[in-house]
C-alpha atoms as a PDB file:
ATOM      1  CA  UNK A   1       0.000   0.000   0.000  1.00  0.00           C
ATOM      2  CA  UNK A   2       1.270   3.475  -0.870  1.00  0.00           C
ATOM      3  CA  UNK A   3       1.183   5.225   2.518  1.00  0.00           C
ATOM      4  CA  UNK A   4       2.153   8.647   1.213  1.00  0.00           C
ATOM      5  CA  UNK A   5      -0.624   8.561  -1.387  1.00  0.00           C
ATOM      6  CA  UNK A   6      -3.195   7.527   1.184  1.00  0.00           C
ATOM      7  CA  UNK A   7      -2.051  10.254   3.597  1.00  0.00           C
ATOM      8  CA  UNK A   8      -2.294  12.883   0.889  1.00  0.00           C
ATOM      9  CA  UNK A   9      -5.749  11.666  -0.038  1.00  0.00           C
ATOM     10  CA  UNK A  10      -6.936  11.887   3.552  1.00  0.00           C
ATOM     11  CA  UNK A  11      -5.541  15.415   3.907  1.00  0.00           C
ATOM     12  CA  UNK A  12      -7.269  16.501   0.684  1.00  0.00           C
ATOM     13  CA  UNK A  13     -10.574  15.004   1.823  1.00  0.00           C
ATOM     14  CA  UNK A  14     -10.319  16.756   5.188  1.00  0.00           C
ATOM     15  CA  UNK A  15      -9.671  20.072   3.467  1.00  0.00           C
ATOM     16  CA  UNK A  16     -12.690  19.582   1.217  1.00  0.00           C
ATOM     17  CA  UNK A  17     -14.919  18.898   4.210  1.00  0.00           C
ATOM     18  CA  UNK A  18     -13.629  22.010   5.996  1.00  0.00           C
ATOM     19  CA  UNK A  19     -14.381  24.246   2.993  1.00  0.00           C
ATOM     20  CA  UNK A  20     -17.931  22.969   2.592  1.00  0.00           C
ATOM     21  CA  UNK A  21     -18.624  23.078   6.318  1.00  0.00           C
ATOM     22  CA  UNK A  22     -17.652  26.725   6.376  1.00  0.00           C
ATOM     23  CA  UNK A  23     -19.910  27.410   3.395  1.00  0.00           C
ATOM     24  CA  UNK A  24     -23.185  26.486   5.078  1.00  0.00           C
ATOM     25  CA  UNK A  25     -22.328  25.664   8.671  1.00  0.00           C
ATOM     26  CA  UNK A  26     -23.148  21.985   8.201  1.00  0.00           C
ATOM     27  CA  UNK A  27     -21.298  18.739   7.678  1.00  0.00           C
ATOM     28  CA  UNK A  28     -20.338  17.634   4.185  1.00  0.00           C
ATOM     29  CA  UNK A  29     -21.904  14.479   2.785  1.00  0.00           C
ATOM     30  CA  UNK A  30     -19.553  11.532   3.156  1.00  0.00           C
ATOM     31  CA  UNK A  31     -22.039   8.744   2.682  1.00  0.00           C
ATOM     32  CA  UNK A  32     -20.888   6.182   0.072  1.00  0.00           C
ATOM     33  CA  UNK A  33     -22.735   6.466  -3.222  1.00  0.00           C
ATOM     34  CA  UNK A  34     -24.209   3.002  -2.779  1.00  0.00           C
ATOM     35  CA  UNK A  35     -26.000   4.145   0.376  1.00  0.00           C
ATOM     36  CA  UNK A  36     -27.635   7.214  -1.153  1.00  0.00           C
ATOM     37  CA  UNK A  37     -31.368   7.092  -1.757  1.00  0.00           C
ATOM     38  CA  UNK A  38     -34.430   9.272  -1.697  1.00  0.00           C
ATOM     39  CA  UNK A  39     -35.755   9.959   1.778  1.00  0.00           C
ATOM     40  CA  UNK A  40     -39.097   8.269   2.173  1.00  0.00           C
ATOM     41  CA  UNK A  41     -38.400   5.721  -0.546  1.00  0.00           C
ATOM     42  CA  UNK A  42     -38.966   2.187   0.700  1.00  0.00           C
ATOM     43  CA  UNK A  43     -36.006  -0.126   0.309  1.00  0.00           C
ATOM     44  CA  UNK A  44     -36.951  -3.697  -0.439  1.00  0.00           C
ATOM     45  CA  UNK A  45     -36.425  -6.209   2.310  1.00  0.00           C
ATOM     46  CA  UNK A  46     -33.954  -9.005   1.836  1.00  0.00           C
ATOM     47  CA  UNK A  47     -30.318  -9.650   1.031  1.00  0.00           C
ATOM     48  CA  UNK A  48     -29.942  -8.879  -2.661  1.00  0.00           C
ATOM     49  CA  UNK A  49     -26.593 -10.600  -2.965  1.00  0.00           C
ATOM     50  CA  UNK A  50     -27.765 -13.838  -1.368  1.00  0.00           C
ATOM     51  CA  UNK A  51     -29.586 -16.495  -3.427  1.00  0.00           C
ATOM     52  CA  UNK A  52     -32.972 -17.053  -1.886  1.00  0.00           C
ATOM     53  CA  UNK A  53     -33.357 -13.431  -0.774  1.00  0.00           C
ATOM     54  CA  UNK A  54     -36.794 -12.853   0.620  1.00  0.00           C
ATOM     55  CA  UNK A  55     -37.610 -16.565   0.404  1.00  0.00           C
ATOM     56  CA  UNK A  56     -36.620 -19.706   2.258  1.00  0.00           C
ATOM     57  CA  UNK A  57     -34.790 -22.202   0.115  1.00  0.00           C
ATOM     58  CA  UNK A  58     -33.421 -25.658   0.623  1.00  0.00           C
ATOM     59  CA  UNK A  59     -34.623 -29.230   0.874  1.00  0.00           C
ATOM     60  CA  UNK A  60     -37.711 -30.034   2.859  1.00  0.00           C
ATOM     61  CA  UNK A  61     -39.341 -26.603   2.732  1.00  0.00           C
ATOM     62  CA  UNK A  62     -41.168 -26.847  -0.583  1.00  0.00           C
ATOM     63  CA  UNK A  63     -38.630 -24.767  -2.549  1.00  0.00           C
ATOM     64  CA  UNK A  64     -35.658 -25.826  -4.619  1.00  0.00           C
ATOM     65  CA  UNK A  65     -32.237 -24.211  -4.701  1.00  0.00           C
ATOM     66  CA  UNK A  66     -33.340 -21.728  -7.370  1.00  0.00           C
ATOM     67  CA  UNK A  67     -36.422 -20.689  -5.415  1.00  0.00           C
ATOM     68  CA  UNK A  68     -38.801 -22.926  -7.367  1.00  0.00           C
ATOM     69  CA  UNK A  69     -41.548 -24.843  -5.594  1.00  0.00           C
ATOM     70  CA  UNK A  70     -41.188 -28.602  -5.594  1.00  0.00           C
ATOM     71  CA  UNK A  71     -44.904 -29.341  -5.496  1.00  0.00           C
ATOM     72  CA  UNK A  72     -48.398 -28.085  -6.416  1.00  0.00           C
ATOM     73  CA  UNK A  73     -49.739 -26.674  -9.702  1.00  0.00           C
ATOM     74  CA  UNK A  74     -49.765 -23.107 -11.050  1.00  0.00           C
ATOM     75  CA  UNK A  75     -52.867 -21.054 -10.294  1.00  0.00           C
ATOM     76  CA  UNK A  76     -54.495 -18.887 -12.978  1.00  0.00           C
ATOM     77  CA  UNK A  77     -52.322 -15.858 -13.695  1.00  0.00           C
ATOM     78  CA  UNK A  78     -53.702 -12.357 -13.123  1.00  0.00           C
ATOM     79  CA  UNK A  79     -53.766 -10.005 -16.125  1.00  0.00           C
ATOM     80  CA  UNK A  80     -50.707  -7.816 -16.631  1.00  0.00           C
ATOM     81  CA  UNK A  81     -52.648  -4.610 -17.232  1.00  0.00           C
ATOM     82  CA  UNK A  82     -50.845  -1.339 -17.834  1.00  0.00           C
ATOM     83  CA  UNK A  83     -47.137  -1.795 -17.114  1.00  0.00           C
ATOM     84  CA  UNK A  84     -45.421   0.930 -15.095  1.00  0.00           C
ATOM     85  CA  UNK A  85     -41.927   1.951 -14.039  1.00  0.00           C
ATOM     86  CA  UNK A  86     -41.170   2.009 -10.300  1.00  0.00           C
ATOM     87  CA  UNK A  87     -38.045   3.617  -8.817  1.00  0.00           C
ATOM     88  CA  UNK A  88     -36.299   1.300  -6.380  1.00  0.00           C
ATOM     89  CA  UNK A  89     -33.439   2.774  -4.297  1.00  0.00           C
ATOM     90  CA  UNK A  90     -31.297  -0.344  -4.678  1.00  0.00           C
ATOM     91  CA  UNK A  91     -32.141  -1.434  -8.225  1.00  0.00           C
ATOM     92  CA  UNK A  92     -33.033   1.758 -10.056  1.00  0.00           C
ATOM     93  CA  UNK A  93     -36.022   1.620 -12.415  1.00  0.00           C
ATOM     94  CA  UNK A  94     -37.991  -1.617 -12.120  1.00  0.00           C
ATOM     95  CA  UNK A  95     -40.816  -2.820 -14.352  1.00  0.00           C
ATOM     96  CA  UNK A  96     -44.122  -3.561 -12.589  1.00  0.00           C
ATOM     97  CA  UNK A  97     -47.547  -4.778 -13.654  1.00  0.00           C
ATOM     98  CA  UNK A  98     -50.820  -2.892 -13.353  1.00  0.00           C
ATOM     99  CA  UNK A  99     -51.030  -3.787  -9.658  1.00  0.00           C
ATOM    100  CA  UNK A 100     -47.521  -2.561  -8.897  1.00  0.00           C
ATOM    101  CA  UNK A 101     -46.046  -6.072  -8.574  1.00  0.00           C
ATOM    102  CA  UNK A 102     -42.456  -6.475  -9.750  1.00  0.00           C
ATOM    103  CA  UNK A 103     -41.769  -8.396 -12.963  1.00  0.00           C
ATOM    104  CA  UNK A 104     -38.776 -10.734 -13.248  1.00  0.00           C
ATOM    105  CA  UNK A 105     -36.652 -12.576 -15.810  1.00  0.00           C
ATOM    106  CA  UNK A 106     -34.977 -15.999 -15.592  1.00  0.00           C
ATOM    107  CA  UNK A 107     -31.363 -16.594 -16.622  1.00  0.00           C
ATOM    108  CA  UNK A 108     -32.217 -20.056 -17.995  1.00  0.00           C
ATOM    109  CA  UNK A 109     -34.619 -18.474 -20.515  1.00  0.00           C
ATOM    110  CA  UNK A 110     -33.541 -17.015 -23.844  1.00  0.00           C
ATOM    111  CA  UNK A 111     -34.500 -13.744 -25.508  1.00  0.00           C
ATOM    112  CA  UNK A 112     -33.373 -14.413 -29.082  1.00  0.00           C
ATOM    113  CA  UNK A 113     -35.431 -16.334 -29.850  1.00  0.00           C
ATOM    114  CA  UNK A 114     -37.741 -15.859 -26.853  1.00  0.00           C
ATOM    115  CA  UNK A 115     -38.197 -19.099 -24.912  1.00  0.00           C
ATOM    116  CA  UNK A 116     -39.382 -19.903 -21.394  1.00  0.00           C
ATOM    117  CA  UNK A 117     -37.702 -22.709 -19.476  1.00  0.00           C
ATOM    118  CA  UNK A 118     -39.866 -22.331 -16.378  1.00  0.00           C
ATOM    119  CA  UNK A 119     -42.742 -24.813 -16.415  1.00  0.00           C
ATOM    120  CA  UNK A 120     -44.646 -27.000 -13.967  1.00  0.00           C
ATOM    121  CA  UNK A 121     -43.668 -26.426 -10.358  1.00  0.00           C
ATOM    122  CA  UNK A 122     -41.345 -23.580 -11.360  1.00  0.00           C
ATOM    123  CA  UNK A 123     -44.297 -21.710 -12.864  1.00  0.00           C
ATOM    124  CA  UNK A 124     -46.141 -22.028  -9.550  1.00  0.00           C
ATOM    125  CA  UNK A 125     -43.499 -20.018  -7.758  1.00  0.00           C
ATOM    126  CA  UNK A 126     -42.850 -17.770 -10.761  1.00  0.00           C
ATOM    127  CA  UNK A 127     -46.227 -17.255 -12.491  1.00  0.00           C
ATOM    128  CA  UNK A 128     -45.754 -16.292 -16.160  1.00  0.00           C
ATOM    129  CA  UNK A 129     -47.234 -12.897 -16.979  1.00  0.00           C
ATOM    130  CA  UNK A 130     -50.013 -13.158 -19.604  1.00  0.00           C
ATOM    131  CA  UNK A 131     -49.406 -11.185 -22.784  1.00  0.00           C
ATOM    132  CA  UNK A 132     -53.077 -10.701 -23.687  1.00  0.00           C
ATOM    133  CA  UNK A 133     -53.851  -7.336 -22.086  1.00  0.00           C
ATOM    134  CA  UNK A 134     -50.371  -5.975 -21.373  1.00  0.00           C
ATOM    135  CA  UNK A 135     -49.947  -2.330 -22.402  1.00  0.00           C
ATOM    136  CA  UNK A 136     -47.029   0.092 -22.077  1.00  0.00           C
ATOM    137  CA  UNK A 137     -47.285   2.877 -19.526  1.00  0.00           C
ATOM    138  CA  UNK A 138     -45.129   6.007 -19.223  1.00  0.00           C
ATOM    139  CA  UNK A 139     -41.418   5.392 -19.694  1.00  0.00           C
ATOM    140  CA  UNK A 140     -41.906   2.030 -21.446  1.00  0.00           C
ATOM    141  CA  UNK A 141     -41.228   1.469 -25.146  1.00  0.00           C
ATOM    142  CA  UNK A 142     -44.211  -0.511 -26.432  1.00  0.00           C
ATOM    143  CA  UNK A 143     -42.007  -1.837 -29.243  1.00  0.00           C
ATOM    144  CA  UNK A 144     -40.144  -3.897 -26.619  1.00  0.00           C
ATOM    145  CA  UNK A 145     -43.307  -5.726 -25.571  1.00  0.00           C
ATOM    146  CA  UNK A 146     -43.999  -9.045 -27.232  1.00  0.00           C
ATOM    147  CA  UNK A 147     -45.146 -12.555 -26.500  1.00  0.00           C
ATOM    148  CA  UNK A 148     -43.940 -16.128 -26.559  1.00  0.00           C
ATOM    149  CA  UNK A 149     -46.027 -19.282 -26.793  1.00  0.00           C
ATOM    150  CA  UNK A 150     -45.453 -21.525 -23.798  1.00  0.00           C
ATOM    151  CA  UNK A 151     -45.461 -25.333 -23.809  1.00  0.00           C
ATOM    152  CA  UNK A 152     -49.106 -25.329 -22.656  1.00  0.00           C
ATOM    153  CA  UNK A 153     -50.117 -23.065 -25.542  1.00  0.00           C
ATOM    154  CA  UNK A 154     -50.635 -19.930 -23.440  1.00  0.00           C
ATOM    155  CA  UNK A 155     -49.150 -16.586 -24.456  1.00  0.00           C
ATOM    156  CA  UNK A 156     -46.547 -15.096 -22.094  1.00  0.00           C
ATOM    157  CA  UNK A 157     -45.442 -11.457 -22.090  1.00  0.00           C
ATOM    158  CA  UNK A 158     -41.892 -10.752 -23.187  1.00  0.00           C
ATOM    159  CA  UNK A 159     -39.919  -7.556 -22.589  1.00  0.00           C
ATOM    160  CA  UNK A 160     -36.970  -7.044 -24.883  1.00  0.00           C
ATOM    161  CA  UNK A 161     -37.433 -10.698 -25.809  1.00  0.00           C
ATOM    162  CA  UNK A 162     -37.226 -11.955 -22.205  1.00  0.00           C
ATOM    163  CA  UNK A 163     -40.247 -13.849 -20.814  1.00  0.00           C
ATOM    164  CA  UNK A 164     -41.720 -11.985 -17.831  1.00  0.00           C
ATOM    165  CA  UNK A 165     -42.778 -13.492 -14.501  1.00  0.00           C
ATOM    166  CA  UNK A 166     -44.132 -12.479 -11.120  1.00  0.00           C
ATOM    167  CA  UNK A 167     -42.882 -13.979  -7.843  1.00  0.00           C
ATOM    168  CA  UNK A 168     -45.226 -15.805  -5.470  1.00  0.00           C
ATOM    169  CA  UNK A 169     -43.501 -14.312  -2.413  1.00  0.00           C
ATOM    170  CA  UNK A 170     -44.172 -10.726  -3.559  1.00  0.00           C
ATOM    171  CA  UNK A 171     -47.383  -9.672  -1.829  1.00  0.00           C
ATOM    172  CA  UNK A 172     -47.367  -5.876  -1.892  1.00  0.00           C
ATOM    173  CA  UNK A 173     -46.697  -3.387  -4.645  1.00  0.00           C
ATOM    174  CA  UNK A 174     -42.989  -2.602  -4.727  1.00  0.00           C
ATOM    175  CA  UNK A 175     -41.845  -5.911  -3.183  1.00  0.00           C
ATOM    176  CA  UNK A 176     -38.689  -7.311  -4.810  1.00  0.00           C
ATOM    177  CA  UNK A 177     -38.309 -10.489  -2.770  1.00  0.00           C
ATOM    178  CA  UNK A 178     -37.483 -12.439  -5.927  1.00  0.00           C
ATOM    179  CA  UNK A 179     -34.373 -10.419  -6.684  1.00  0.00           C
ATOM    180  CA  UNK A 180     -31.337 -12.713  -6.897  1.00  0.00           C
ATOM    181  CA  UNK A 181     -33.163 -15.914  -5.928  1.00  0.00           C
ATOM    182  CA  UNK A 182     -30.977 -18.875  -6.812  1.00  0.00           C
ATOM    183  CA  UNK A 183     -28.636 -16.479  -8.564  1.00  0.00           C
ATOM    184  CA  UNK A 184     -30.894 -16.822 -11.619  1.00  0.00           C
ATOM    185  CA  UNK A 185     -33.921 -14.571 -11.074  1.00  0.00           C
ATOM    186  CA  UNK A 186     -33.716 -10.798 -11.458  1.00  0.00           C
ATOM    187  CA  UNK A 187     -36.105  -7.853 -11.555  1.00  0.00           C
ATOM    188  CA  UNK A 188     -36.750  -6.537 -15.044  1.00  0.00           C
ATOM    189  CA  UNK A 189     -35.723  -3.058 -16.118  1.00  0.00           C
ATOM    190  CA  UNK A 190     -38.061  -1.289 -18.618  1.00  0.00           C
ATOM    191  CA  UNK A 191     -35.542  -2.216 -21.342  1.00  0.00           C
ATOM    192  CA  UNK A 192     -35.824  -5.939 -20.613  1.00  0.00           C
ATOM    193  CA  UNK A 193     -32.356  -5.983 -19.069  1.00  0.00           C
ATOM    194  CA  UNK A 194     -31.689  -6.841 -15.437  1.00  0.00           C
ATOM    195  CA  UNK A 195     -32.633  -3.912 -13.214  1.00  0.00           C
ATOM    196  CA  UNK A 196     -29.677  -2.153 -11.664  1.00  0.00           C
ATOM    197  CA  UNK A 197     -28.647   1.342 -10.693  1.00  0.00           C
ATOM    198  CA  UNK A 198     -27.407   3.265 -13.678  1.00  0.00           C
ATOM    199  CA  UNK A 199     -23.782   4.124 -14.275  1.00  0.00           C
ATOM    200  CA  UNK A 200     -24.550   7.795 -13.685  1.00  0.00           C
ATOM    201  CA  UNK A 201     -22.858   9.571 -10.750  1.00  0.00           C
ATOM    202  CA  UNK A 202     -24.932  10.322  -7.640  1.00  0.00           C
ATOM    203  CA  UNK A 203     -25.563  13.804  -9.077  1.00  0.00           C
ATOM    204  CA  UNK A 204     -24.755  14.989 -12.577  1.00  0.00           C
ATOM    205  CA  UNK A 205     -25.899  17.481 -15.218  1.00  0.00           C
ATOM    206  CA  UNK A 206     -28.225  16.816 -18.159  1.00  0.00           C
ATOM    207  CA  UNK A 207     -28.944  19.135 -21.083  1.00  0.00           C
ATOM    208  CA  UNK A 208     -32.721  19.536 -21.256  1.00  0.00           C
ATOM    209  CA  UNK A 209     -34.038  20.826 -24.613  1.00  0.00           C
ATOM    210  CA  UNK A 210     -36.350  23.339 -22.905  1.00  0.00           C
ATOM    211  CA  UNK A 211     -34.696  24.127 -19.573  1.00  0.00           C
ATOM    212  CA  UNK A 212     -31.021  23.928 -20.432  1.00  0.00           C
ATOM    213  CA  UNK A 213     -28.603  22.370 -17.934  1.00  0.00           C
ATOM    214  CA  UNK A 214     -30.360  20.730 -14.982  1.00  0.00           C
ATOM    215  CA  UNK A 215     -29.152  18.473 -12.178  1.00  0.00           C
ATOM    216  CA  UNK A 216     -30.249  14.817 -12.178  1.00  0.00           C
ATOM    217  CA  UNK A 217     -29.809  11.991  -9.661  1.00  0.00           C
ATOM    218  CA  UNK A 218     -28.118   8.646 -10.303  1.00  0.00           C
ATOM    219  CA  UNK A 219     -31.255   7.324 -11.994  1.00  0.00           C
ATOM    220  CA  UNK A 220     -31.335  10.264 -14.390  1.00  0.00           C
ATOM    221  CA  UNK A 221     -34.367  11.762 -12.634  1.00  0.00           C
ATOM    222  CA  UNK A 222     -34.670  15.555 -12.548  1.00  0.00           C
ATOM    223  CA  UNK A 223     -33.768  17.256  -9.260  1.00  0.00           C
ATOM    224  CA  UNK A 224     -35.866  20.168  -7.924  1.00  0.00           C
ATOM    225  CA  UNK A 225     -35.751  23.053  -5.444  1.00  0.00           C
ATOM    226  CA  UNK A 226     -38.562  24.374  -3.235  1.00  0.00           C
ATOM    227  CA  UNK A 227     -38.685  28.182  -3.087  1.00  0.00           C
ATOM    228  CA  UNK A 228     -40.002  28.081   0.488  1.00  0.00           C
ATOM    229  CA  UNK A 229     -36.810  26.362   1.695  1.00  0.00           C
ATOM    230  CA  UNK A 230     -33.813  28.203   3.142  1.00  0.00           C
ATOM    231  CA  UNK A 231     -30.088  27.891   2.494  1.00  0.00           C
ATOM    232  CA  UNK A 232     -28.462  30.522   4.709  1.00  0.00           C
ATOM    233  CA  UNK A 233     -27.010  30.524   7.281  1.00  0.00           C
ATOM    234  CA  UNK A 234     -27.875  26.826   7.144  1.00  0.00           C
ATOM    235  CA  UNK A 235     -30.140  24.624   4.990  1.00  0.00           C
ATOM    236  CA  UNK A 236     -33.759  24.306   6.117  1.00  0.00           C
ATOM    237  CA  UNK A 237     -36.375  22.136   4.406  1.00  0.00           C
ATOM    238  CA  UNK A 238     -39.984  23.330   4.660  1.00  0.00           C
ATOM    239  CA  UNK A 239     -41.315  20.273   2.823  1.00  0.00           C
ATOM    240  CA  UNK A 240     -42.578  17.754   5.367  1.00  0.00           C
ATOM    241  CA  UNK A 241     -45.361  15.199   5.767  1.00  0.00           C
ATOM    242  CA  UNK A 242     -47.519  14.826   2.666  1.00  0.00           C
ATOM    243  CA  UNK A 243     -45.239  17.231   0.806  1.00  0.00           C
ATOM    244  CA  UNK A 244     -42.303  14.870   1.308  1.00  0.00           C
ATOM    245  CA  UNK A 245     -44.306  11.965  -0.109  1.00  0.00           C
ATOM    246  CA  UNK A 246     -44.878  13.928  -3.305  1.00  0.00           C
ATOM    247  CA  UNK A 247     -41.375  15.408  -3.383  1.00  0.00           C
ATOM    248  CA  UNK A 248     -38.932  12.774  -2.000  1.00  0.00           C
ATOM    249  CA  UNK A 249     -35.810  14.371  -0.567  1.00  0.00           C
ATOM    250  CA  UNK A 250     -32.559  13.316  -2.199  1.00  0.00           C
ATOM    251  CA  UNK A 251     -30.350  11.446   0.256  1.00  0.00           C
ATOM    252  CA  UNK A 252     -26.634  12.127   0.833  1.00  0.00           C
ATOM    253  CA  UNK A 253     -24.237  11.816  -2.087  1.00  0.00           C
ATOM    254  CA  UNK A 254     -20.463  11.771  -1.744  1.00  0.00           C
ATOM    255  CA  UNK A 255     -18.952  14.889  -3.315  1.00  0.00           C
ATOM    256  CA  UNK A 256     -16.604  12.658  -5.313  1.00  0.00           C
ATOM    257  CA  UNK A 257     -19.650  10.955  -6.802  1.00  0.00           C
ATOM    258  CA  UNK A 258     -20.841  14.061  -8.676  1.00  0.00           C
ATOM    259  CA  UNK A 259     -20.128  15.484 -12.108  1.00  0.00           C
ATOM    260  CA  UNK A 260     -20.679  19.010 -13.399  1.00  0.00           C
ATOM    261  CA  UNK A 261     -22.322  20.232 -10.193  1.00  0.00           C
ATOM    262  CA  UNK A 262     -20.901  23.211  -8.278  1.00  0.00           C
ATOM    263  CA  UNK A 263     -18.796  21.848  -5.408  1.00  0.00           C
ATOM    264  CA  UNK A 264     -19.234  24.783  -3.041  1.00  0.00           C
ATOM    265  CA  UNK A 265     -22.227  24.156  -0.805  1.00  0.00           C
ATOM    266  CA  UNK A 266     -22.551  20.579  -2.081  1.00  0.00           C
ATOM    267  CA  UNK A 267     -23.325  18.903   1.213  1.00  0.00           C
ATOM    268  CA  UNK A 268     -25.878  17.146   3.370  1.00  0.00           C
ATOM    269  CA  UNK A 269     -27.791  18.378   6.402  1.00  0.00           C
ATOM    270  CA  UNK A 270     -30.030  16.831   9.034  1.00  0.00           C
ATOM    271  CA  UNK A 271     -33.776  17.227   8.589  1.00  0.00           C
ATOM    272  CA  UNK A 272     -35.986  17.708  11.692  1.00  0.00           C
ATOM    273  CA  UNK A 273     -36.605  13.932  11.764  1.00  0.00           C
ATOM    274  CA  UNK A 274     -32.851  13.285  11.797  1.00  0.00           C
ATOM    275  CA  UNK A 275     -32.708  11.999   8.212  1.00  0.00           C
ATOM    276  CA  UNK A 276     -29.930  13.393   6.022  1.00  0.00           C
ATOM    277  CA  UNK A 277     -30.804  15.327   2.873  1.00  0.00           C
ATOM    278  CA  UNK A 278     -28.514  16.493   0.074  1.00  0.00           C
ATOM    279  CA  UNK A 279     -28.123  20.102  -1.048  1.00  0.00           C
ATOM    280  CA  UNK A 280     -26.711  21.918  -4.082  1.00  0.00           C
ATOM    281  CA  UNK A 281     -25.153  25.254  -3.125  1.00  0.00           C
ATOM    282  CA  UNK A 282     -26.731  24.683   0.315  1.00  0.00           C
ATOM    283  CA  UNK A 283     -30.267  24.440  -1.106  1.00  0.00           C
ATOM    284  CA  UNK A 284     -32.196  21.236  -0.234  1.00  0.00           C
ATOM    285  CA  UNK A 285     -32.960  19.121  -3.304  1.00  0.00           C
ATOM    286  CA  UNK A 286     -35.772  16.710  -4.172  1.00  0.00           C
ATOM    287  CA  UNK A 287     -37.142  14.531  -6.944  1.00  0.00           C
ATOM    288  CA  UNK A 288     -40.805  14.534  -8.037  1.00  0.00           C
ATOM    289  CA  UNK A 289     -43.154  11.562  -7.748  1.00  0.00           C
ATOM    290  CA  UNK A 290     -44.873  12.739 -10.917  1.00  0.00           C
ATOM    291  CA  UNK A 291     -41.716  12.091 -12.959  1.00  0.00           C
ATOM    292  CA  UNK A 292     -41.893   8.514 -14.202  1.00  0.00           C
ATOM    293  CA  UNK A 293     -38.861   8.271 -16.444  1.00  0.00           C
ATOM    294  CA  UNK A 294     -35.406   9.846 -16.790  1.00  0.00           C
ATOM    295  CA  UNK A 295     -35.709  13.186 -18.557  1.00  0.00           C
ATOM    296  CA  UNK A 296     -39.202  13.945 -17.248  1.00  0.00           C
ATOM    297  CA  UNK A 297     -39.642  17.487 -15.894  1.00  0.00           C
ATOM    298  CA  UNK A 298     -43.268  17.300 -14.773  1.00  0.00           C
ATOM    299  CA  UNK A 299     -42.395  19.047 -11.511  1.00  0.00           C
ATOM    300  CA  UNK A 300     -41.173  22.192 -13.251  1.00  0.00           C
ATOM    301  CA  UNK A 301     -43.090  25.250 -12.030  1.00  0.00           C
ATOM    302  CA  UNK A 302     -45.602  23.288  -9.930  1.00  0.00           C
ATOM    303  CA  UNK A 303     -47.456  25.680  -7.624  1.00  0.00           C
ATOM    304  CA  UNK A 304     -45.075  28.437  -8.656  1.00  0.00           C
ATOM    305  CA  UNK A 305     -42.687  27.115  -5.985  1.00  0.00           C
ATOM    306  CA  UNK A 306     -40.944  24.061  -7.470  1.00  0.00           C
ATOM    307  CA  UNK A 307     -38.223  24.355 -10.100  1.00  0.00           C
ATOM    308  CA  UNK A 308     -35.483  22.228 -11.636  1.00  0.00           C
ATOM    309  CA  UNK A 309     -32.002  22.915 -10.258  1.00  0.00           C
ATOM    310  CA  UNK A 310     -29.142  24.381 -12.285  1.00  0.00           C
ATOM    311  CA  UNK A 311     -25.553  23.154 -11.709  1.00  0.00           C
ATOM    312  CA  UNK A 312     -24.942  26.162  -9.414  1.00  0.00           C
ATOM    313  CA  UNK A 313     -28.054  25.502  -7.355  1.00  0.00           C
ATOM    314  CA  UNK A 314     -30.363  28.157  -8.824  1.00  0.00           C
ATOM    315  CA  UNK A 315     -34.023  27.363  -9.591  1.00  0.00           C
ATOM    316  CA  UNK A 316     -34.253  27.128 -13.383  1.00  0.00           C
ATOM    317  CA  UNK A 317     -36.964  29.375 -14.830  1.00  0.00           C
ATOM    318  CA  UNK A 318     -38.090  30.782 -11.477  1.00  0.00           C
ATOM    319  CA  UNK A 319     -39.077  34.473 -11.382  1.00  0.00           C
ATOM    320  CA  UNK A 320     -36.000  36.616 -10.934  1.00  0.00           C
ATOM    321  CA  UNK A 321     -33.595  33.880 -12.022  1.00  0.00           C
END
């Protein structure tokens, strides 16, 4: 290990923290990028890196090593309905059915040509999603939706060629208990690929055709400011309760995990409930629940108090800016 390099790095980091602390009188965000998420967003239960997450596997419990039941027959599958995109703090954008249940893909299947290799008992635990009434909601390319004929003659929905399934252990909308089961089952992204956080930094800048340069989070979702908030002498968020449900606060992001955003005043602060929230130029930042896909700016100008954030922290398009 290069001790001198590590020492220099630590000194540089300490200096950065001191500068930002002085800027707003608060502590700088040092939370690893992997831990950052929107305040109020519900993280899915379970160990994502452990096969069998959210389910009990092993001999004698009715499930095989890949999470498939070893007995009983599949029950009639519920219609897919209008597919939607749900933001998950650990997986990024996840594809869900009309009831909000997560859709999955199976590594033993193929996409070109589409073919399902989950039948019988497997299909009891992982019910195939019917293709009949599936439609594309916001943020989903309908051209990626298709169907494959299963061994029993039924039509199964495909996304990007991959057969789509639900998981029997998912009960509530937003559950992702099937993620990583057996090391072969993964939540579907809207593209048909395996859902995962994007390669974007925690905060970066996107060129919007109407608004110009705006800050986005690691999922590419537009970041906003609330004009009723305060930045000086320290950040204060005046969005609480129901407001916070509609405008989730952006969690801490390491300053090294940003690109194109002004470094001064780039920090986190403690909300009244003790939860940390990120700021740009000391102004608290949020995403908007009405934005369903990267690039959406549906929160722009809402109520005359919510505006997209420029790289220097100003509210884009707000009166006087």
